[in-house]
Amino acid sequence: MNKENIKNAKNFDELLDIKYGKIGSKKRDAFEEQIPLCLNFQS
C-alpha cells in the first residue's frame, strides 16, 4: 500500500482492495467481520 495507489483509487471498493486485499482474502474478510452490518454492502 502506498500513497500513489490510494491517490489513484477511483472508488471506495478500490481503497478497500488496496488496504485490505481483494474480496475473499483473509485480511479483507477479517476487516468485513468487524464493520457494522449497516456498512456491509456485500449482502
Protein backbone atom coordinates (compact mmCIF):
# COMPACT_ATOMS: atom_id res chain seq x y z
CA MET A 1 0.00 0.00 0.00
CA ASN A 2 1.39 3.37 -0.91
CA LYS A 3 0.12 6.92 -1.23
CA GLU A 4 0.14 6.79 -5.04
CA ASN A 5 -2.18 3.78 -5.10
CA ILE A 6 -4.54 5.44 -2.65
CA LYS A 7 -4.45 8.69 -4.63
CA ASN A 8 -5.38 6.85 -7.84
CA ALA A 9 -8.25 4.83 -6.37
CA LYS A 10 -11.48 5.61 -8.19
CA ASN A 11 -13.95 4.42 -5.55
CA PHE A 12 -14.32 3.06 -2.03
CA ASP A 13 -14.03 -0.56 -3.15
CA GLU A 14 -10.62 0.16 -4.69
CA LEU A 15 -9.50 1.76 -1.43
CA LEU A 16 -10.54 -1.36 0.46
CA ASP A 17 -8.72 -3.55 -2.08
CA ILE A 18 -5.54 -1.52 -1.58
CA LYS A 19 -5.68 -1.56 2.21
CA TYR A 20 -7.19 -4.99 2.94
CA GLY A 21 -6.82 -7.02 -0.26
CA LYS A 22 -9.38 -8.31 -2.71
CA ILE A 23 -12.76 -9.69 -1.62
CA GLY A 24 -12.25 -13.17 -0.22
CA SER A 25 -8.75 -12.59 1.15
CA LYS A 26 -8.19 -13.39 4.83
CA LYS A 27 -7.32 -9.79 5.70
CA ARG A 28 -10.40 -8.42 3.88
CA ASP A 29 -12.71 -11.00 5.47
CA ALA A 30 -11.37 -10.12 8.93
CA PHE A 31 -11.99 -6.42 8.25
CA GLU A 32 -15.53 -7.01 6.97
CA GLU A 33 -16.39 -9.05 10.06
CA GLN A 34 -15.51 -6.02 12.19
CA ILE A 35 -17.67 -3.42 10.42
CA PRO A 36 -21.29 -2.85 11.46
CA LEU A 37 -23.90 -4.61 9.36
CA CYS A 38 -25.33 -1.25 8.20
CA LEU A 39 -22.00 -0.54 6.47
CA ASN A 40 -21.58 -4.02 4.98
CA PHE A 41 -22.68 -3.60 1.36
CA GLN A 42 -21.69 -7.15 0.35
CA SER A 43 -25.08 -8.62 1.30
